[in-house]
Protein backbone atom coordinates (compact mmCIF):
# COMPACT_ATOMS: atom_id res chain seq x y z
CA MET A 1 -17.34 -39.13 16.31
CA LYS A 2 -16.01 -37.45 13.18
CA TYR A 3 -19.38 -35.28 12.51
CA ARG A 4 -18.71 -33.97 15.32
CA THR A 5 -14.87 -32.69 15.69
CA LEU A 6 -15.88 -31.66 11.93
CA LEU A 7 -18.67 -29.56 13.25
CA GLY A 8 -17.11 -28.18 16.32
CA LEU A 9 -13.89 -26.96 14.04
CA SER A 10 -16.01 -25.43 11.67
CA LEU A 11 -18.21 -23.62 14.60
CA PHE A 12 -14.82 -22.70 15.75
CA THR A 13 -13.43 -21.44 11.99
CA LEU A 14 -16.83 -19.27 12.13
CA THR A 15 -16.53 -17.99 15.23
CA THR A 16 -12.45 -16.54 14.42
CA PHE A 17 -13.86 -14.98 11.48
CA ALA A 18 -16.48 -13.17 13.26
CA THR A 19 -13.74 -11.79 15.96
CA ALA A 20 -11.43 -10.67 13.27
CA ALA A 21 -14.69 -8.90 11.55
CA ASP A 22 -15.33 -7.78 14.66
CA THR A 23 -11.24 -6.47 15.58
CA LEU A 24 -11.20 -4.39 12.71
CA CYS A 25 -14.42 -2.53 13.24
CA LEU A 26 -13.45 -2.34 16.98
CA GLN A 27 -10.29 -0.87 16.16
CA LYS A 28 -11.46 1.53 14.05
CA GLU A 29 -14.04 2.51 16.19
CA GLN A 30 -10.76 3.10 18.71
CA GLU A 31 -9.14 5.33 16.37
CA ILE A 32 -12.86 7.46 15.87
CA GLN A 33 -13.18 7.95 19.82
CA HIS A 34 -9.28 8.59 19.89
CA GLU A 35 -9.72 11.48 17.45
CA ILE A 36 -12.90 12.96 19.46
CA ASP A 37 -11.10 12.91 22.35
CA LEU A 38 -7.95 14.97 20.97
CA ALA A 39 -10.69 17.54 19.38
CA LYS A 40 -12.75 18.04 22.88
CA LYS A 41 -8.67 18.47 24.49
CA HIS A 42 -8.56 21.01 21.37
CA ASP A 43 -12.15 22.59 21.74
CA ASN A 44 -13.06 22.06 18.33
CA GLN A 45 -16.95 21.04 19.00
CA ARG A 46 -17.05 20.73 14.88
CA ARG A 47 -15.32 18.29 14.55
CA VAL A 48 -15.97 16.27 18.30
CA THR A 49 -19.98 16.53 16.06
CA GLY A 50 -18.73 14.84 13.32
CA LEU A 51 -16.92 12.62 14.88
CA GLU A 52 -19.61 11.69 16.92
CA ARG A 53 -21.42 11.05 14.03
CA ALA A 54 -18.63 8.82 12.15
CA LEU A 55 -19.00 6.59 15.04
CA THR A 56 -22.49 5.89 15.28
CA GLU A 57 -22.41 5.15 12.19
CA ALA A 58 -19.38 2.66 12.46
CA LYS A 59 -20.94 0.81 15.04
CA ALA A 60 -24.14 0.69 13.19
CA GLY A 61 -22.86 -0.92 10.27
CA CYS A 62 -19.47 -2.13 10.42
CA THR A 63 -18.80 -5.29 8.55
CA ASP A 64 -15.46 -6.87 7.68
CA GLU A 65 -16.89 -6.56 4.11
CA LYS A 66 -17.75 -3.02 3.68
CA LEU A 67 -14.34 -1.88 5.27
CA LYS A 68 -12.50 -3.77 2.82
CA ALA A 69 -14.04 -2.71 0.44
CA GLN A 70 -13.99 0.96 1.28
CA HIS A 71 -10.27 0.13 1.62
CA GLN A 72 -9.90 -1.22 -1.73
CA GLU A 73 -11.68 1.54 -3.17
CA LYS A 74 -8.96 3.60 -1.48
CA ILE A 75 -6.72 1.96 -3.25
CA ALA A 76 -7.52 2.09 -6.07
CA GLU A 77 -8.16 5.82 -6.19
CA LEU A 78 -4.78 6.52 -4.74
CA LYS A 79 -3.18 4.30 -7.81
CA GLU A 80 -5.22 6.46 -10.64
CA LYS A 81 -3.56 9.20 -8.61
CA VAL A 82 0.28 8.05 -8.87
CA ALA A 83 -0.65 6.95 -12.50
CA GLU A 84 -2.10 10.50 -13.14
CA ARG A 85 1.31 12.24 -11.30
CA GLN A 86 3.69 9.96 -13.29
CA LYS A 87 2.28 11.02 -16.79
CA GLU A 88 2.61 14.21 -15.34
CA LEU A 89 6.13 13.81 -14.63
CA ALA A 90 6.80 12.67 -18.37
CA GLU A 91 4.84 15.63 -19.72
CA GLU A 92 6.86 18.07 -18.19
CA LYS A 93 10.26 15.89 -18.75
CA ALA A 94 8.88 15.39 -22.52
CA ASP A 95 8.84 19.53 -22.89
CA GLY A 96 11.81 19.87 -20.95
CA ASP A 97 12.05 23.37 -20.32
CA ASP A 98 12.20 24.37 -16.43
CA SER A 99 13.49 22.11 -13.64
CA LYS A 100 11.17 24.12 -11.20
CA LYS A 101 7.89 22.47 -12.46
CA ILE A 102 10.03 18.50 -13.05
CA ALA A 103 10.94 19.41 -9.86
CA LYS A 104 7.10 20.16 -8.58
CA ARG A 105 5.87 16.85 -10.23
CA GLU A 106 8.34 14.75 -8.92
CA ARG A 107 7.48 16.33 -5.20
CA LYS A 108 4.00 15.42 -5.87
CA LEU A 109 4.72 12.10 -7.35
CA ALA A 110 6.47 11.19 -4.14
CA GLU A 111 3.71 13.00 -2.10
CA ALA A 112 1.11 10.71 -3.87
CA GLU A 113 3.26 7.92 -3.43
CA GLN A 114 3.32 7.71 -0.04
CA LYS A 115 -0.12 8.46 0.52
CA LEU A 116 -0.70 5.53 -1.71
CA LYS A 117 2.12 3.39 0.97
CA GLU A 118 0.57 4.58 4.03
CA VAL A 119 -2.53 3.38 3.44
CA GLN A 120 -1.96 -0.17 1.71
CA ALA A 121 -0.18 -0.05 4.69
CA ALA A 122 -3.32 0.27 6.99
CA PRO A 123 -5.49 -2.52 8.15
CA TYR A 124 -8.76 -1.16 6.99
């Protein structure tokens, strides 16, 4: 009896994980389809074609692991960009002769940090 309960619980858990993966993939597909609809509405055929290709690829090869790996890669790239912007700002402050350049570097840093926050908040 214990084994049946354990087996049932295991199968339920596996089904839940599979559904979660499908949910992320389904969400991605829905977002791409929404973008296709917008491109069609604005009569942008080149964008429609590219998005349809992306939708086909998403349907063919979407897995939870791939989405998570791609998301982590994007986060890592953006963290590098933030670090680069911080370095540029520090160098500009060290030179300290042009407040416009410092303001520009601060603005670019803020933009990079905002983009990083947006990507970190996204589900994939």
